[in-house]
Amino acid sequence: MTRRRIAARLAVALFVSAAGLSISARSVSEKQEHAPSRPAAPAKTMENPSTIARGARLLGVRSPLLGRTPRAQRRGGAPPPPSKPTPRWPDGRVNLGPPPGETGLWTPAGIVQLSLNPKSVNRASPNSHLPDNITLEAVPFQPWARALHAARQANFERDEPHTRCKASGGPREFITPYGVEFVDIPETKRIYIFDVGGPHTFRTIYMDGREHPNGLEPSYYGHSLGRWDGESLVVDTVGYNTKFWMDREGTPHTERLHLVERFTRTDFNSLKYEATVDDPGAYTAVWTGGFIMRWSPGTEPWEYICQDNNRSPQGMVGADASVSRQRRVIP
């Protein structure tokens, strides 16, 4: 094959690859929202982009694709670029949202885990976890809770309520790929957290010093009280129901769950999330896990109809005989 014909084929391949990146990026994100992760099958029809790039350089072919970093070619997981300082309100409080006149959302840094589990169905991104994060083996499960967690993993997380467009409380709220938005309204002494994906719901954090009421009706997000502890927003929540998974891994909980979350914006682009789990119904001791979230600038919540965007029908009704059909509704 002549040098000219090789160059022509490479140019076409580069054009297709560059176009495919822009088309597929959103599709991958949508599938990640609902679909359980599995080991990826090797590509059969697409040429390896790195091979194309090397060949193009040898032949002197130029393309914007060659200048893209791995961060630009995949979603999340890579260290962020040098960041600006943490933004603040005029009174000195940390601003967990965008500065005035700007927009942005917090998204997980790739696949994140509350407790590190290298054997998980969803492998965590290397730069998403806290340096000293707890491992799955160290989580003080009660025997029934550990068995349930293992069963959910063995079933490839197909029965997660999130795939059925149910609200996700606790850490699971911050694990959806579309992210969340913090809206701080000081005059009402409330902070709202809006979910972009899933059922498109919101959560209220009361900042007025009130106490948890007695006789709470269990709910997906529970009853949340917030306060500032230096640079961190600390949120104390009780009153959860058990209709959701606490994280994407299937970590169990009961209605006795008392969750204390700590949000620390360490710089403009990074949000450290820590969750202390106190649930004597599922664990033998209190434990803490967490992960890192990244700032996605220039993004706002958009219309999202969960049922229309579900890319995991097997997660709703099961694949073949993978889910028990004894109940008409699988929560």
Foldseek 3Di string as FASTA:
>chain_A
DDLVVVLVVLVVLLVVVVVCQVVCQVVVLLQQQAPQAAPDDDDDPRDDPVVSLVVCVVSVHDDPVNVDDVPVRHAFQDDDDDFAFFDADPVRATDPADDPPWHWFWAQRQADDQAQDCPASRHDRPAWFDPPFHHPVPFFWDVVQVVQLVVCRVLSVLQFCQLVLDDAEAPAQRHRGVGWGWDDDVVQQWIKIFGQARNGDMDIEHRPPDDDDPPAAADRHAHWYWDDDDQKIKIWGARHPQNGANHSSRRGAHNQWIKIWIWHDRGHFKIWIKIWTDGVVTGPDIDMGTTMITMDIPDDRDDYHHVVSNPCVCSQVNDDPSDDPPDVHRD
